[in-house]
C-alpha atoms as a PDB file:
ATOM      1  CA  UNK A   1       9.745 -12.171  11.112  1.00  0.00           C
ATOM      2  CA  UNK A   2       8.514  -9.060   9.288  1.00  0.00           C
ATOM      3  CA  UNK A   3       6.784  -9.546   5.994  1.00  0.00           C
ATOM      4  CA  UNK A   4       8.085  -6.715   3.828  1.00  0.00           C
ATOM      5  CA  UNK A   5       6.253  -5.734   0.640  1.00  0.00           C
ATOM      6  CA  UNK A   6       8.909  -3.894  -1.357  1.00  0.00           C
ATOM      7  CA  UNK A   7       9.465  -5.013  -4.920  1.00  0.00           C
ATOM      8  CA  UNK A   8      10.514  -1.988  -6.975  1.00  0.00           C
ATOM      9  CA  UNK A   9      12.099   1.437  -6.740  1.00  0.00           C
ATOM     10  CA  UNK A  10      10.423   3.513  -4.048  1.00  0.00           C
ATOM     11  CA  UNK A  11       8.211   6.365  -5.248  1.00  0.00           C
ATOM     12  CA  UNK A  12       8.038   9.268  -2.793  1.00  0.00           C
ATOM     13  CA  UNK A  13       4.679   9.696  -1.050  1.00  0.00           C
ATOM     14  CA  UNK A  14       3.241  13.151  -0.445  1.00  0.00           C
ATOM     15  CA  UNK A  15       3.747  14.556   3.065  1.00  0.00           C
ATOM     16  CA  UNK A  16      -0.026  15.174   3.277  1.00  0.00           C
ATOM     17  CA  UNK A  17      -0.677  11.470   2.818  1.00  0.00           C
ATOM     18  CA  UNK A  18       1.784  10.591   5.571  1.00  0.00           C
ATOM     19  CA  UNK A  19       0.092  13.208   7.812  1.00  0.00           C
ATOM     20  CA  UNK A  20      -3.269  11.495   7.190  1.00  0.00           C
ATOM     21  CA  UNK A  21      -1.850   8.165   8.334  1.00  0.00           C
ATOM     22  CA  UNK A  22      -0.208   9.714  11.401  1.00  0.00           C
ATOM     23  CA  UNK A  23      -3.667  10.765  12.607  1.00  0.00           C
ATOM     24  CA  UNK A  24      -4.403   7.106  13.417  1.00  0.00           C
ATOM     25  CA  UNK A  25      -3.600   6.031  16.953  1.00  0.00           C
ATOM     26  CA  UNK A  26      -1.702   2.791  17.535  1.00  0.00           C
ATOM     27  CA  UNK A  27      -4.220   0.006  18.060  1.00  0.00           C
ATOM     28  CA  UNK A  28      -6.710   1.406  15.529  1.00  0.00           C
ATOM     29  CA  UNK A  29      -8.367  -1.301  13.432  1.00  0.00           C
ATOM     30  CA  UNK A  30      -7.140  -1.078   9.818  1.00  0.00           C
ATOM     31  CA  UNK A  31      -8.238  -2.790   6.663  1.00  0.00           C
ATOM     32  CA  UNK A  32      -5.646  -2.338   3.941  1.00  0.00           C
ATOM     33  CA  UNK A  33      -5.298  -3.318   0.289  1.00  0.00           C
ATOM     34  CA  UNK A  34      -1.804  -3.299  -1.194  1.00  0.00           C
ATOM     35  CA  UNK A  35       0.531  -4.712  -3.818  1.00  0.00           C
ATOM     36  CA  UNK A  36       2.723  -7.529  -2.536  1.00  0.00           C
ATOM     37  CA  UNK A  37       6.285  -8.440  -3.583  1.00  0.00           C
ATOM     38  CA  UNK A  38       5.157 -10.104  -6.836  1.00  0.00           C
ATOM     39  CA  UNK A  39       2.840  -7.158  -7.651  1.00  0.00           C
ATOM     40  CA  UNK A  40      -0.108  -9.246  -6.538  1.00  0.00           C
ATOM     41  CA  UNK A  41      -3.143  -7.625  -4.923  1.00  0.00           C
ATOM     42  CA  UNK A  42      -3.366  -8.420  -1.196  1.00  0.00           C
ATOM     43  CA  UNK A  43      -5.578  -7.360   1.667  1.00  0.00           C
ATOM     44  CA  UNK A  44      -5.245  -7.545   5.417  1.00  0.00           C
ATOM     45  CA  UNK A  45      -7.142  -6.470   8.514  1.00  0.00           C
ATOM     46  CA  UNK A  46      -5.201  -5.844  11.722  1.00  0.00           C
ATOM     47  CA  UNK A  47      -4.314  -3.156  14.237  1.00  0.00           C
ATOM     48  CA  UNK A  48      -2.216  -0.146  13.233  1.00  0.00           C
ATOM     49  CA  UNK A  49       1.213  -0.189  14.894  1.00  0.00           C
ATOM     50  CA  UNK A  50       2.673   2.985  13.378  1.00  0.00           C
ATOM     51  CA  UNK A  51       4.802   4.326  10.559  1.00  0.00           C
ATOM     52  CA  UNK A  52       8.493   3.796   9.950  1.00  0.00           C
ATOM     53  CA  UNK A  53      11.113   5.314   7.643  1.00  0.00           C
ATOM     54  CA  UNK A  54      14.166   3.205   6.857  1.00  0.00           C
ATOM     55  CA  UNK A  55      17.713   4.416   6.211  1.00  0.00           C
ATOM     56  CA  UNK A  56      16.943   4.626   2.456  1.00  0.00           C
ATOM     57  CA  UNK A  57      14.071   7.069   3.073  1.00  0.00           C
ATOM     58  CA  UNK A  58      11.306   4.563   2.318  1.00  0.00           C
ATOM     59  CA  UNK A  59       8.141   4.930   4.421  1.00  0.00           C
ATOM     60  CA  UNK A  60       6.249   1.907   5.748  1.00  0.00           C
ATOM     61  CA  UNK A  61       2.906   1.269   7.426  1.00  0.00           C
ATOM     62  CA  UNK A  62       3.311  -1.230  10.265  1.00  0.00           C
ATOM     63  CA  UNK A  63       0.628  -3.582  11.541  1.00  0.00           C
ATOM     64  CA  UNK A  64       0.690  -5.431  14.856  1.00  0.00           C
ATOM     65  CA  UNK A  65       0.779  -8.815  13.076  1.00  0.00           C
ATOM     66  CA  UNK A  66       4.254  -7.938  11.708  1.00  0.00           C
ATOM     67  CA  UNK A  67       3.181  -6.969   8.199  1.00  0.00           C
ATOM     68  CA  UNK A  68       5.134  -3.999   6.914  1.00  0.00           C
ATOM     69  CA  UNK A  69       3.708  -2.303   3.796  1.00  0.00           C
ATOM     70  CA  UNK A  70       5.749   0.196   1.836  1.00  0.00           C
ATOM     71  CA  UNK A  71       3.506   3.261   1.499  1.00  0.00           C
ATOM     72  CA  UNK A  72       3.891   3.534  -2.270  1.00  0.00           C
ATOM     73  CA  UNK A  73       2.464  -0.019  -2.538  1.00  0.00           C
ATOM     74  CA  UNK A  74      -0.647   0.827  -0.478  1.00  0.00           C
ATOM     75  CA  UNK A  75      -3.810   0.810  -2.626  1.00  0.00           C
ATOM     76  CA  UNK A  76      -6.291   1.732   0.119  1.00  0.00           C
ATOM     77  CA  UNK A  77      -6.618   1.891   3.894  1.00  0.00           C
ATOM     78  CA  UNK A  78      -9.992   1.883   5.649  1.00  0.00           C
ATOM     79  CA  UNK A  79     -11.650   2.679   2.322  1.00  0.00           C
ATOM     80  CA  UNK A  80      -9.447   5.707   1.566  1.00  0.00           C
ATOM     81  CA  UNK A  81      -7.353   5.623  -1.628  1.00  0.00           C
ATOM     82  CA  UNK A  82      -3.641   5.131  -1.088  1.00  0.00           C
ATOM     83  CA  UNK A  83      -0.602   6.231  -3.111  1.00  0.00           C
ATOM     84  CA  UNK A  84      -0.764   3.105  -5.325  1.00  0.00           C
ATOM     85  CA  UNK A  85      -4.442   3.665  -6.198  1.00  0.00           C
ATOM     86  CA  UNK A  86      -3.679   4.963  -9.697  1.00  0.00           C
ATOM     87  CA  UNK A  87      -1.434   1.971 -10.354  1.00  0.00           C
ATOM     88  CA  UNK A  88      -4.182  -0.345  -9.098  1.00  0.00           C
ATOM     89  CA  UNK A  89      -6.704   1.342 -11.406  1.00  0.00           C
ATOM     90  CA  UNK A  90      -4.406   0.686 -14.387  1.00  0.00           C
ATOM     91  CA  UNK A  91      -3.779  -2.869 -13.143  1.00  0.00           C
ATOM     92  CA  UNK A  92      -7.503  -3.581 -12.717  1.00  0.00           C
ATOM     93  CA  UNK A  93      -8.439  -2.185 -16.142  1.00  0.00           C
ATOM     94  CA  UNK A  94      -5.552  -3.755 -18.077  1.00  0.00           C
ATOM     95  CA  UNK A  95      -7.859  -6.093 -20.004  1.00  0.00           C
ATOM     96  CA  UNK A  96      -9.796  -3.090 -21.312  1.00  0.00           C
ATOM     97  CA  UNK A  97      -6.685  -1.872 -23.113  1.00  0.00           C
ATOM     98  CA  UNK A  98      -6.673  -4.769 -25.544  1.00  0.00           C
ATOM     99  CA  UNK A  99      -9.058  -5.587 -28.353  1.00  0.00           C
ATOM    100  CA  UNK A 100      -9.549  -9.221 -27.249  1.00  0.00           C
ATOM    101  CA  UNK A 101      -9.417 -10.492 -30.846  1.00  0.00           C
ATOM    102  CA  UNK A 102     -11.710  -7.765 -32.151  1.00  0.00           C
ATOM    103  CA  UNK A 103     -10.381  -5.451 -34.830  1.00  0.00           C
END
């Protein structure tokens, strides 16, 4: 069964980013970091199986282990920032936005 990582409205990904991913051959080792269904940070290492676009126009990165990551939820792949990198940066620095009891 596919593990799908969609959890919110899809944000279009730039065609250049998709072109970068299409340069990888099936079977290429990939290490990815991404947001899961509950907006949790996840990581996985497996072989690249390809890209897929569903009938709603959402693009996915497919891994041979059956994991299917919506591209707008991808934080990084093989050390390269993904479309969700800015969201991850905000997520990671969220505690710096508060005063932590200091006025």
